[in-house]
C-alpha atoms as a PDB file:
ATOM      1  CA  MET A   1      18.524   7.633  -7.070  1.00  0.00           C
ATOM      2  CA  ASN A   2      17.900   8.275 -10.752  1.00  0.00           C
ATOM      3  CA  ARG A   3      14.528   6.747 -12.053  1.00  0.00           C
ATOM      4  CA  SER A   4      16.169   5.021 -15.007  1.00  0.00           C
ATOM      5  CA  SER A   5      18.552   3.088 -12.564  1.00  0.00           C
ATOM      6  CA  LEU A   6      15.748   1.564 -10.607  1.00  0.00           C
ATOM      7  CA  PRO A   7      13.876  -1.690 -11.737  1.00  0.00           C
ATOM      8  CA  LEU A   8      10.491  -1.079 -13.440  1.00  0.00           C
ATOM      9  CA  ILE A   9       7.699  -2.051 -11.143  1.00  0.00           C
ATOM     10  CA  SER A  10       4.301  -2.790 -12.497  1.00  0.00           C
ATOM     11  CA  ILE A  11       1.421  -2.124 -10.140  1.00  0.00           C
ATOM     12  CA  VAL A  12      -1.624  -4.296 -11.654  1.00  0.00           C
ATOM     13  CA  LEU A  13      -5.121  -2.956 -10.657  1.00  0.00           C
ATOM     14  CA  CYS A  14      -8.254  -4.723 -11.560  1.00  0.00           C
ATOM     15  CA  THR A  15     -11.474  -2.628 -11.348  1.00  0.00           C
ATOM     16  CA  TYR A  16     -15.160  -3.442 -11.478  1.00  0.00           C
ATOM     17  CA  ASN A  17     -17.791  -0.847 -10.362  1.00  0.00           C
ATOM     18  CA  GLY A  18     -15.451   0.844  -7.926  1.00  0.00           C
ATOM     19  CA  GLU A  19     -16.469   4.341  -8.345  1.00  0.00           C
ATOM     20  CA  ARG A  20     -17.038   5.191  -4.643  1.00  0.00           C
ATOM     21  CA  HIS A  21     -13.535   4.565  -3.467  1.00  0.00           C
ATOM     22  CA  LEU A  22     -11.261   4.321  -6.700  1.00  0.00           C
ATOM     23  CA  LYS A  23     -10.038   7.887  -6.570  1.00  0.00           C
ATOM     24  CA  TYR A  24      -8.510   7.449  -3.128  1.00  0.00           C
ATOM     25  CA  GLN A  25      -6.527   4.419  -4.383  1.00  0.00           C
ATOM     26  CA  LEU A  26      -5.429   6.017  -7.557  1.00  0.00           C
ATOM     27  CA  ASP A  27      -4.098   8.997  -5.829  1.00  0.00           C
ATOM     28  CA  SER A  28      -2.128   6.865  -3.602  1.00  0.00           C
ATOM     29  CA  LEU A  29      -0.658   4.980  -6.456  1.00  0.00           C
ATOM     30  CA  VAL A  30       0.572   7.885  -8.592  1.00  0.00           C
ATOM     31  CA  ALA A  31       2.232   9.690  -5.474  1.00  0.00           C
ATOM     32  CA  GLN A  32       4.256   6.591  -4.505  1.00  0.00           C
ATOM     33  CA  THR A  33       7.709   7.495  -3.573  1.00  0.00           C
ATOM     34  CA  TYR A  34       9.349   4.878  -5.546  1.00  0.00           C
ATOM     35  CA  LYS A  35       9.462   6.478  -9.124  1.00  0.00           C
ATOM     36  CA  ASN A  36      10.083   4.014 -11.842  1.00  0.00           C
ATOM     37  CA  ILE A  37       6.508   2.341 -11.842  1.00  0.00           C
ATOM     38  CA  GLU A  38       3.864   1.667 -14.513  1.00  0.00           C
ATOM     39  CA  ILE A  39       0.225   1.353 -13.421  1.00  0.00           C
ATOM     40  CA  VAL A  40      -1.413  -1.340 -15.428  1.00  0.00           C
ATOM     41  CA  ILE A  41      -5.366  -1.179 -15.012  1.00  0.00           C
ATOM     42  CA  VAL A  42      -7.812  -3.636 -16.389  1.00  0.00           C
ATOM     43  CA  ASP A  43     -11.512  -2.872 -16.062  1.00  0.00           C
ATOM     44  CA  ASP A  44     -13.878  -5.770 -16.051  1.00  0.00           C
ATOM     45  CA  CYS A  45     -16.822  -4.319 -17.741  1.00  0.00           C
ATOM     46  CA  SER A  46     -17.965  -1.742 -15.137  1.00  0.00           C
ATOM     47  CA  ASP A  47     -21.178  -0.197 -15.554  1.00  0.00           C
ATOM     48  CA  ASP A  48     -21.026   2.589 -13.169  1.00  0.00           C
ATOM     49  CA  ASN A  49     -18.536   5.732 -13.321  1.00  0.00           C
ATOM     50  CA  THR A  50     -15.572   3.631 -12.873  1.00  0.00           C
ATOM     51  CA  ARG A  51     -14.629   3.960 -16.655  1.00  0.00           C
ATOM     52  CA  SER A  52     -14.919   7.769 -16.561  1.00  0.00           C
ATOM     53  CA  ILE A  53     -12.737   7.925 -13.432  1.00  0.00           C
ATOM     54  CA  LEU A  54     -10.047   5.796 -15.229  1.00  0.00           C
ATOM     55  CA  SER A  55      -9.927   7.475 -18.391  1.00  0.00           C
ATOM     56  CA  ASP A  56      -9.687  11.009 -16.341  1.00  0.00           C
ATOM     57  CA  TYR A  57      -6.369   9.650 -14.763  1.00  0.00           C
ATOM     58  CA  LEU A  58      -5.208   8.150 -17.923  1.00  0.00           C
ATOM     59  CA  SER A  59      -5.286  11.589 -19.430  1.00  0.00           C
ATOM     60  CA  ARG A  60      -3.337  13.099 -16.604  1.00  0.00           C
ATOM     61  CA  TYR A  61      -0.600  10.546 -15.978  1.00  0.00           C
ATOM     62  CA  ALA A  62       1.586   8.948 -18.750  1.00  0.00           C
ATOM     63  CA  HIS A  63       2.574   5.947 -16.836  1.00  0.00           C
ATOM     64  CA  ILE A  64      -0.901   4.510 -16.654  1.00  0.00           C
ATOM     65  CA  ASN A  65      -1.932   1.924 -19.050  1.00  0.00           C
ATOM     66  CA  LEU A  66      -5.558   1.355 -19.235  1.00  0.00           C
ATOM     67  CA  PHE A  67      -7.508  -1.599 -20.649  1.00  0.00           C
ATOM     68  CA  PHE A  68     -11.187  -2.334 -21.088  1.00  0.00           C
ATOM     69  CA  ASN A  69     -12.439  -6.057 -21.192  1.00  0.00           C
ATOM     70  CA  LEU A  70     -14.968  -6.891 -23.715  1.00  0.00           C
ATOM     71  CA  GLU A  71     -16.553  -9.391 -21.546  1.00  0.00           C
ATOM     72  CA  ASN A  72     -16.511  -9.950 -17.650  1.00  0.00           C
ATOM     73  CA  LEU A  73     -13.530 -12.330 -16.653  1.00  0.00           C
ATOM     74  CA  GLY A  74     -14.268 -12.297 -12.975  1.00  0.00           C
ATOM     75  CA  PHE A  75     -11.430 -11.187 -10.525  1.00  0.00           C
ATOM     76  CA  ASN A  76      -9.089 -14.351 -10.668  1.00  0.00           C
ATOM     77  CA  LYS A  77      -8.846 -14.263 -14.467  1.00  0.00           C
ATOM     78  CA  ASN A  78      -8.822 -10.532 -14.598  1.00  0.00           C
ATOM     79  CA  PHE A  79      -5.791 -10.295 -12.342  1.00  0.00           C
ATOM     80  CA  GLU A  80      -4.058 -13.022 -14.585  1.00  0.00           C
ATOM     81  CA  LYS A  81      -4.749 -10.957 -17.682  1.00  0.00           C
ATOM     82  CA  ALA A  82      -3.398  -7.798 -15.913  1.00  0.00           C
ATOM     83  CA  ILE A  83      -0.134  -9.526 -14.894  1.00  0.00           C
ATOM     84  CA  THR A  84       0.434 -10.888 -18.579  1.00  0.00           C
ATOM     85  CA  LEU A  85       0.144  -7.243 -19.656  1.00  0.00           C
ATOM     86  CA  ALA A  86       2.744  -5.893 -17.005  1.00  0.00           C
ATOM     87  CA  LYS A  87       6.196  -4.966 -18.522  1.00  0.00           C
ATOM     88  CA  GLY A  88       7.955  -4.423 -15.067  1.00  0.00           C
ATOM     89  CA  GLU A  89      10.812  -6.821 -13.585  1.00  0.00           C
ATOM     90  CA  PHE A  90       8.458  -6.659 -10.390  1.00  0.00           C
ATOM     91  CA  ILE A  91       4.894  -6.905 -10.040  1.00  0.00           C
ATOM     92  CA  SER A  92       2.726  -5.443  -7.085  1.00  0.00           C
ATOM     93  CA  ILE A  93      -0.937  -6.342  -6.913  1.00  0.00           C
ATOM     94  CA  CYS A  94      -3.517  -3.806  -6.042  1.00  0.00           C
ATOM     95  CA  ASP A  95      -7.073  -3.746  -4.991  1.00  0.00           C
ATOM     96  CA  GLN A  96      -9.715  -0.867  -6.232  1.00  0.00           C
ATOM     97  CA  ASP A  97     -10.702   0.441  -2.830  1.00  0.00           C
ATOM     98  CA  ASP A  98      -7.736   0.502  -0.584  1.00  0.00           C
ATOM     99  CA  ILE A  99      -5.398   3.282   0.173  1.00  0.00           C
ATOM    100  CA  TRP A 100      -1.641   2.472  -0.238  1.00  0.00           C
ATOM    101  CA  ASP A 101       1.059   3.982   2.131  1.00  0.00           C
ATOM    102  CA  LEU A 102       3.151   6.274  -0.014  1.00  0.00           C
ATOM    103  CA  ASP A 103       6.327   4.505   0.583  1.00  0.00           C
ATOM    104  CA  LYS A 104       4.773   0.945   0.171  1.00  0.00           C
ATOM    105  CA  ILE A 105       6.771   0.073  -3.049  1.00  0.00           C
ATOM    106  CA  GLU A 106       9.831   1.485  -1.710  1.00  0.00           C
ATOM    107  CA  GLU A 107       9.572  -0.611   1.595  1.00  0.00           C
ATOM    108  CA  LEU A 108       8.576  -3.795  -0.148  1.00  0.00           C
ATOM    109  CA  MET A 109      11.539  -3.370  -2.806  1.00  0.00           C
ATOM    110  CA  ALA A 110      13.945  -2.740   0.247  1.00  0.00           C
ATOM    111  CA  ASN A 111      13.002  -6.147   2.052  1.00  0.00           C
ATOM    112  CA  ILE A 112      12.428  -8.454  -0.719  1.00  0.00           C
ATOM    113  CA  GLY A 113      16.003  -9.591  -0.976  1.00  0.00           C
ATOM    114  CA  ASP A 114      16.640 -12.621  -2.909  1.00  0.00           C
ATOM    115  CA  LYS A 115      13.139 -14.062  -2.532  1.00  0.00           C
ATOM    116  CA  GLY A 116      10.509 -14.244  -5.366  1.00  0.00           C
ATOM    117  CA  MET A 117       7.770 -12.572  -3.292  1.00  0.00           C
ATOM    118  CA  ILE A 118       7.180 -10.421  -0.226  1.00  0.00           C
ATOM    119  CA  PHE A 119       4.012  -9.695   1.547  1.00  0.00           C
ATOM    120  CA  SER A 120       3.105  -7.188   4.369  1.00  0.00           C
ATOM    121  CA  ASN A 121       0.389  -6.461   6.845  1.00  0.00           C
ATOM    122  CA  SER A 122      -2.476  -3.987   6.604  1.00  0.00           C
ATOM    123  CA  ARG A 123      -4.579  -1.902   8.821  1.00  0.00           C
ATOM    124  CA  LEU A 124      -8.311  -2.162   8.532  1.00  0.00           C
ATOM    125  CA  ILE A 125     -10.548   0.921   7.619  1.00  0.00           C
ATOM    126  CA  ASP A 126     -14.467   0.877   7.300  1.00  0.00           C
ATOM    127  CA  GLU A 127     -16.259   1.882   4.092  1.00  0.00           C
ATOM    128  CA  ASP A 128     -16.210   5.473   5.169  1.00  0.00           C
ATOM    129  CA  GLY A 129     -12.309   5.240   5.406  1.00  0.00           C
ATOM    130  CA  LEU A 130     -12.453   5.165   9.148  1.00  0.00           C
ATOM    131  CA  SER A 131      -9.944   3.284  11.201  1.00  0.00           C
ATOM    132  CA  MET A 132     -11.212  -0.022  12.769  1.00  0.00           C
ATOM    133  CA  ASN A 133      -8.162  -0.128  15.024  1.00  0.00           C
ATOM    134  CA  ARG A 134      -7.503  -3.573  13.990  1.00  0.00           C
ATOM    135  CA  LEU A 135      -4.922  -5.187  11.689  1.00  0.00           C
ATOM    136  CA  LEU A 136      -5.429  -7.714   8.815  1.00  0.00           C
ATOM    137  CA  LEU A 137      -2.962 -10.186  10.444  1.00  0.00           C
ATOM    138  CA  ALA A 138      -3.349  -9.660  14.085  1.00  0.00           C
ATOM    139  CA  ALA A 139      -0.531 -11.655  15.686  1.00  0.00           C
ATOM    140  CA  PRO A 140       1.212 -13.505  12.886  1.00  0.00           C
ATOM    141  CA  ASN A 141       3.659 -16.266  13.566  1.00  0.00           C
ATOM    142  CA  PHE A 142       5.657 -16.602  10.177  1.00  0.00           C
ATOM    143  CA  ASN A 143       8.960 -17.501  11.762  1.00  0.00           C
ATOM    144  CA  LEU A 144       9.078 -20.922  10.271  1.00  0.00           C
ATOM    145  CA  LEU A 145       6.764 -20.926   7.250  1.00  0.00           C
ATOM    146  CA  ASP A 146       5.987 -24.161   5.241  1.00  0.00           C
ATOM    147  CA  TYR A 147       3.310 -24.972   2.843  1.00  0.00           C
ATOM    148  CA  LYS A 148       1.215 -26.753   5.884  1.00  0.00           C
ATOM    149  CA  SER A 149       0.673 -23.345   7.337  1.00  0.00           C
ATOM    150  CA  ILE A 150      -1.494 -22.101   4.498  1.00  0.00           C
ATOM    151  CA  LEU A 151      -3.537 -25.341   3.802  1.00  0.00           C
ATOM    152  CA  ILE A 152      -6.626 -24.480   5.720  1.00  0.00           C
ATOM    153  CA  ASN A 153      -6.747 -20.690   5.689  1.00  0.00           C
ATOM    154  CA  ASN A 154      -4.980 -18.103   3.393  1.00  0.00           C
ATOM    155  CA  PHE A 155      -3.060 -15.264   5.002  1.00  0.00           C
ATOM    156  CA  VAL A 156      -1.240 -13.865   1.921  1.00  0.00           C
ATOM    157  CA  ALA A 157      -3.508 -11.454   0.814  1.00  0.00           C
ATOM    158  CA  GLY A 158      -3.116 -10.320  -2.910  1.00  0.00           C
ATOM    159  CA  HIS A 159      -3.051  -6.642  -2.155  1.00  0.00           C
ATOM    160  CA  THR A 160      -0.093  -6.902   0.212  1.00  0.00           C
ATOM    161  CA  ILE A 161       2.133  -8.773  -2.580  1.00  0.00           C
ATOM    162  CA  LEU A 162       5.170  -7.758  -4.465  1.00  0.00           C
ATOM    163  CA  ALA A 163       6.672 -10.508  -6.648  1.00  0.00           C
ATOM    164  CA  LYS A 164       9.546 -10.946  -9.177  1.00  0.00           C
ATOM    165  CA  THR A 165       7.523 -11.267 -12.457  1.00  0.00           C
ATOM    166  CA  ILE A 166       9.812 -14.306 -13.317  1.00  0.00           C
ATOM    167  CA  PHE A 167       8.285 -15.981 -10.038  1.00  0.00           C
ATOM    168  CA  LEU A 168       4.644 -14.807 -10.754  1.00  0.00           C
ATOM    169  CA  GLU A 169       4.587 -16.090 -14.112  1.00  0.00           C
ATOM    170  CA  LYS A 170       5.352 -19.765 -12.907  1.00  0.00           C
ATOM    171  CA  THR A 171       1.999 -19.416 -10.985  1.00  0.00           C
ATOM    172  CA  LEU A 172      -0.024 -19.149 -13.989  1.00  0.00           C
ATOM    173  CA  PRO A 173      -2.736 -19.907 -14.891  1.00  0.00           C
ATOM    174  CA  PHE A 174      -4.656 -19.148 -11.860  1.00  0.00           C
ATOM    175  CA  PRO A 175      -7.258 -21.676 -10.795  1.00  0.00           C
ATOM    176  CA  ASP A 176     -10.757 -20.981 -12.275  1.00  0.00           C
ATOM    177  CA  TYR A 177     -12.301 -20.733  -8.573  1.00  0.00           C
ATOM    178  CA  GLY A 178     -11.385 -19.981  -5.264  1.00  0.00           C
ATOM    179  CA  TYR A 179      -8.689 -17.080  -4.736  1.00  0.00           C
ATOM    180  CA  TYR A 180      -5.687 -16.450  -6.959  1.00  0.00           C
ATOM    181  CA  ASP A 181      -3.696 -15.090  -3.931  1.00  0.00           C
ATOM    182  CA  TRP A 182      -4.290 -18.350  -1.875  1.00  0.00           C
ATOM    183  CA  TRP A 183      -2.617 -20.095  -4.889  1.00  0.00           C
ATOM    184  CA  ILE A 184       0.123 -17.929  -5.186  1.00  0.00           C
ATOM    185  CA  GLY A 185       0.974 -17.804  -1.549  1.00  0.00           C
ATOM    186  CA  PHE A 186       0.920 -21.688  -1.478  1.00  0.00           C
ATOM    187  CA  LEU A 187       3.429 -21.733  -4.340  1.00  0.00           C
ATOM    188  CA  ALA A 188       5.556 -19.047  -2.818  1.00  0.00           C
ATOM    189  CA  ILE A 189       5.851 -21.025   0.646  1.00  0.00           C
ATOM    190  CA  TYR A 190       6.171 -24.447  -0.960  1.00  0.00           C
ATOM    191  CA  HIS A 191       9.301 -23.335  -3.082  1.00  0.00           C
ATOM    192  CA  GLN A 192      10.585 -21.121  -0.046  1.00  0.00           C
ATOM    193  CA  GLU A 193      10.333 -18.044  -2.230  1.00  0.00           C
ATOM    194  CA  ILE A 194       8.575 -15.723   0.273  1.00  0.00           C
ATOM    195  CA  VAL A 195       9.228 -13.391   3.059  1.00  0.00           C
ATOM    196  CA  PHE A 196       6.869 -11.442   5.277  1.00  0.00           C
ATOM    197  CA  LEU A 197       7.509  -7.787   6.138  1.00  0.00           C
ATOM    198  CA  ASP A 198       5.642  -7.220   9.512  1.00  0.00           C
ATOM    199  CA  LYS A 199       4.785  -3.583   8.614  1.00  0.00           C
ATOM    200  CA  CYS A 200       1.392  -2.088   7.550  1.00  0.00           C
ATOM    201  CA  LEU A 201       1.656  -0.630   4.224  1.00  0.00           C
ATOM    202  CA  THR A 202      -2.048  -0.624   3.201  1.00  0.00           C
ATOM    203  CA  SER A 203      -5.340   0.658   4.471  1.00  0.00           C
ATOM    204  CA  TYR A 204      -7.571  -2.152   3.758  1.00  0.00           C
ATOM    205  CA  ARG A 205     -11.091  -1.452   3.266  1.00  0.00           C
ATOM    206  CA  ILE A 206     -13.573  -3.638   4.825  1.00  0.00           C
ATOM    207  CA  HIS A 207     -17.207  -3.749   3.551  1.00  0.00           C
ATOM    208  CA  SER A 208     -20.107  -4.667   5.838  1.00  0.00           C
ATOM    209  CA  ASN A 209     -21.077  -7.571   3.864  1.00  0.00           C
ATOM    210  CA  SER A 210     -17.814  -8.999   3.194  1.00  0.00           C
ATOM    211  CA  VAL A 211     -16.399 -12.315   4.182  1.00  0.00           C
ATOM    212  CA  ILE A 212     -13.388 -10.800   5.956  1.00  0.00           C
ATOM    213  CA  GLN A 213     -15.710  -8.505   8.136  1.00  0.00           C
ATOM    214  CA  LYS A 214     -17.214 -11.582   9.635  1.00  0.00           C
ATOM    215  CA  GLU A 215     -13.730 -13.244  10.162  1.00  0.00           C
ATOM    216  CA  VAL A 216     -12.224 -10.194  11.979  1.00  0.00           C
ATOM    217  CA  SER A 217     -15.112  -9.616  13.978  1.00  0.00           C
ATOM    218  CA  SER A 218     -13.828 -12.167  16.490  1.00  0.00           C
ATOM    219  CA  PRO A 219     -10.009 -12.472  16.408  1.00  0.00           C
ATOM    220  CA  ASP A 220      -9.821 -15.708  18.456  1.00  0.00           C
ATOM    221  CA  SER A 221     -12.469 -17.679  16.602  1.00  0.00           C
ATOM    222  CA  VAL A 222     -11.725 -20.273  13.822  1.00  0.00           C
ATOM    223  CA  ALA A 223     -15.436 -20.723  13.047  1.00  0.00           C
ATOM    224  CA  ILE A 224     -15.848 -21.199   9.355  1.00  0.00           C
ATOM    225  CA  THR A 225     -19.014 -20.495   7.213  1.00  0.00           C
ATOM    226  CA  LEU A 226     -20.340 -22.472   4.415  1.00  0.00           C
ATOM    227  CA  ALA A 227     -18.719 -20.421   1.694  1.00  0.00           C
ATOM    228  CA  GLN A 228     -15.595 -20.829   3.514  1.00  0.00           C
ATOM    229  CA  TYR A 229     -15.819 -24.570   3.659  1.00  0.00           C
ATOM    230  CA  LYS A 230     -16.509 -24.684  -0.093  1.00  0.00           C
ATOM    231  CA  THR A 231     -13.532 -22.390  -0.948  1.00  0.00           C
ATOM    232  CA  SER A 232     -11.189 -24.422   1.472  1.00  0.00           C
ATOM    233  CA  ARG A 233     -12.475 -27.590   0.026  1.00  0.00           C
ATOM    234  CA  TYR A 234     -11.571 -26.385  -3.450  1.00  0.00           C
ATOM    235  CA  HIS A 235      -8.259 -25.188  -2.634  1.00  0.00           C
ATOM    236  CA  GLN A 236      -7.300 -28.242  -0.737  1.00  0.00           C
ATOM    237  CA  GLU A 237      -8.251 -30.393  -3.800  1.00  0.00           C
ATOM    238  CA  ILE A 238      -5.894 -28.350  -6.072  1.00  0.00           C
ATOM    239  CA  PHE A 239      -3.275 -28.416  -3.411  1.00  0.00           C
ATOM    240  CA  TYR A 240      -3.441 -31.884  -3.012  1.00  0.00           C
ATOM    241  CA  ASP A 241      -3.109 -32.639  -6.776  1.00  0.00           C
ATOM    242  CA  PHE A 242      -0.063 -30.502  -6.690  1.00  0.00           C
ATOM    243  CA  LEU A 243       1.602 -32.395  -3.979  1.00  0.00           C
ATOM    244  CA  LYS A 244       0.731 -35.735  -5.227  1.00  0.00           C
ATOM    245  CA  LYS A 245       2.654 -34.733  -8.541  1.00  0.00           C
ATOM    246  CA  ASN A 246       5.595 -33.942  -6.289  1.00  0.00           C
ATOM    247  CA  ASN A 247       5.275 -37.070  -4.198  1.00  0.00           C
ATOM    248  CA  ASN A 248       4.770 -35.142  -1.114  1.00  0.00           C
ATOM    249  CA  GLU A 249       0.828 -35.407  -0.403  1.00  0.00           C
ATOM    250  CA  SER A 250       1.058 -37.499   2.793  1.00  0.00           C
ATOM    251  CA  PHE A 251       0.531 -34.706   5.322  1.00  0.00           C
ATOM    252  CA  MET A 252      -2.738 -33.654   3.372  1.00  0.00           C
ATOM    253  CA  ARG A 253      -4.553 -36.904   3.477  1.00  0.00           C
ATOM    254  CA  PRO A 254      -6.485 -36.266   6.863  1.00  0.00           C
ATOM    255  CA  LEU A 255      -7.578 -32.947   5.522  1.00  0.00           C
ATOM    256  CA  VAL A 256      -8.724 -34.402   2.281  1.00  0.00           C
ATOM    257  CA  LEU A 257     -10.529 -37.074   4.294  1.00  0.00           C
ATOM    258  CA  LEU A 258     -12.120 -34.375   6.750  1.00  0.00           C
ATOM    259  CA  TYR A 259     -13.455 -32.096   3.798  1.00  0.00           C
ATOM    260  CA  SER A 260     -14.309 -34.553   1.061  1.00  0.00           C
ATOM    261  CA  LYS A 261     -14.519 -38.077   2.055  1.00  0.00           C
ATOM    262  CA  LYS A 262     -17.062 -40.162   4.274  1.00  0.00           C
ATOM    263  CA  THR A 263     -15.577 -40.773   7.659  1.00  0.00           C
ATOM    264  CA  ASN A 264     -16.533 -42.913  10.539  1.00  0.00           C
ATOM    265  CA  ILE A 265     -16.085 -42.101  14.296  1.00  0.00           C
ATOM    266  CA  ILE A 266     -12.764 -43.740  14.503  1.00  0.00           C
ATOM    267  CA  GLU A 267     -11.621 -41.615  11.466  1.00  0.00           C
ATOM    268  CA  ARG A 268     -13.069 -38.329  12.955  1.00  0.00           C
ATOM    269  CA  LYS A 269     -11.256 -39.041  16.220  1.00  0.00           C
ATOM    270  CA  TYR A 270      -8.084 -39.451  14.301  1.00  0.00           C
ATOM    271  CA  ILE A 271      -8.618 -36.311  12.628  1.00  0.00           C
ATOM    272  CA  LEU A 272      -9.216 -34.361  15.761  1.00  0.00           C
ATOM    273  CA  MET A 273      -5.916 -35.559  17.150  1.00  0.00           C
ATOM    274  CA  PHE A 274      -4.244 -34.644  13.889  1.00  0.00           C
ATOM    275  CA  LEU A 275      -5.423 -31.323  14.210  1.00  0.00           C
ATOM    276  CA  ILE A 276      -4.760 -31.028  17.805  1.00  0.00           C
ATOM    277  CA  TYR A 277      -1.182 -32.113  17.246  1.00  0.00           C
ATOM    278  CA  HIS A 278      -0.405 -29.844  14.356  1.00  0.00           C
ATOM    279  CA  TYR A 279      -2.381 -26.822  15.632  1.00  0.00           C
ATOM    280  CA  ASN A 280       0.581 -24.516  15.844  1.00  0.00           C
ATOM    281  CA  THR A 281       1.512 -25.292  12.167  1.00  0.00           C
ATOM    282  CA  LEU A 282      -1.968 -25.361  10.758  1.00  0.00           C
ATOM    283  CA  PHE A 283      -3.477 -22.262  12.507  1.00  0.00           C
ATOM    284  CA  PRO A 284      -0.502 -19.856  12.458  1.00  0.00           C
ATOM    285  CA  LEU A 285      -2.608 -16.571  12.815  1.00  0.00           C
ATOM    286  CA  HIS A 286      -3.555 -17.796  16.305  1.00  0.00           C
ATOM    287  CA  LYS A 287      -1.761 -17.806  19.550  1.00  0.00           C
ATOM    288  CA  ARG A 288       0.767 -20.635  19.845  1.00  0.00           C
ATOM    289  CA  ARG A 289      -0.394 -23.125  22.550  1.00  0.00           C
ATOM    290  CA  ARG A 290       0.972 -26.002  24.239  1.00  0.00           C
ATOM    291  CA  ILE A 291      -0.144 -29.432  23.248  1.00  0.00           C
ATOM    292  CA  THR A 292      -1.785 -29.890  26.609  1.00  0.00           C
ATOM    293  CA  SER A 293      -3.608 -26.714  26.451  1.00  0.00           C
ATOM    294  CA  THR A 294      -7.400 -26.942  26.905  1.00  0.00           C
ATOM    295  CA  THR A 295      -7.850 -23.917  24.783  1.00  0.00           C
ATOM    296  CA  ARG A 296      -6.028 -25.602  21.864  1.00  0.00           C
ATOM    297  CA  PHE A 297      -8.582 -28.578  22.339  1.00  0.00           C
ATOM    298  CA  LYS A 298     -11.594 -26.274  22.248  1.00  0.00           C
ATOM    299  CA  ILE A 299     -10.379 -24.372  19.243  1.00  0.00           C
ATOM    300  CA  VAL A 300      -9.726 -27.429  17.056  1.00  0.00           C
ATOM    301  CA  ASP A 301     -12.880 -29.075  18.424  1.00  0.00           C
ATOM    302  CA  ARG A 302     -14.970 -26.197  17.323  1.00  0.00           C
ATOM    303  CA  TYR A 303     -13.242 -26.034  14.021  1.00  0.00           C
ATOM    304  CA  LEU A 304     -13.975 -29.825  13.255  1.00  0.00           C
ATOM    305  CA  LYS A 305     -17.529 -29.657  14.146  1.00  0.00           C
ATOM    306  CA  ASP A 306     -18.082 -26.529  12.041  1.00  0.00           C
ATOM    307  CA  VAL A 307     -16.279 -28.417   9.082  1.00  0.00           C
ATOM    308  CA  LEU A 308     -18.501 -31.322   9.480  1.00  0.00           C
ATOM    309  CA  GLU A 309     -21.733 -29.362   9.593  1.00  0.00           C
ATOM    310  CA  CYS A 310     -20.715 -27.621   6.373  1.00  0.00           C
ATOM    311  CA  LYS A 311     -19.660 -30.789   4.846  1.00  0.00           C
ATOM    312  CA  LEU A 312     -23.123 -32.356   5.495  1.00  0.00           C
ATOM    313  CA  GLN A 313     -24.913 -29.634   4.216  1.00  0.00           C
ATOM    314  CA  VAL A 314     -22.734 -29.632   0.929  1.00  0.00           C
ATOM    315  CA  LEU A 315     -22.150 -33.327   0.481  1.00  0.00           C
ATOM    316  CA  GLY A 316     -24.997 -34.965   2.487  1.00  0.00           C
ATOM    317  CA  PHE A 317     -22.616 -36.965   4.635  1.00  0.00           C
ATOM    318  CA  ILE A 318     -19.862 -36.627   7.310  1.00  0.00           C
END
């Protein structure tokens, strides 16, 4: 197909001190089999060799558009800026240290259909690029996605997203805190504008000190860290505000009570039963279990106790 007959796709890449792995990612972007692309790169005040690497690629590839921030914006606002600079009909979001399959854009475009957004799976690699023999989404259960499935944990990773620009613009501005991709995923699911492609199209690099490294070390665990509690609590607040404006907040009330409000013993038992009853909805990345399953109870009980422990540390009450 002639390049000019293909919709323009903008790959938006945000960089910050990424000199170690950046070249591998850039090489996979410029070699995409889908040819009508622009690569929009916004560097967030790197002080290593990142700027020099980017300038070298800019000199060699005409479809790269490079911008340097005058002040550090942080990753949420930097991606927001990159999206506003994109000129394509579609936008694909890109991290600086992964490696894309060469047909990634072509595959996503072939499967997005009439939805506003598509996301895919990824294989995990370590800091040296070696396979960890694991998938980012080990056993996804996305047959009947609704917004309730993304309230506790985000599974729409930004680096897997391809979206119509007209849809992505409706998600702006991004929240100041938390994760921009969690916000995008929530809105896409809420408005039924999302499709999942169960293919690994990215080699996703895991760093030894990253949050995701701790999460993937035990695939059946739903244990949460203090940082995860704080992030989840923040996101639930903005999700709840959004749902209230749409008169659809009732389902979230037990979660808001769990994360933010003071509870008595009866309320905590109610929340436990709520989590058990809605387990298959609220934990879509875990194996589906019958409501009578003892494992279902143990997983939810562990999760509840972790949240309450974190809540006590942050708020001083449970």
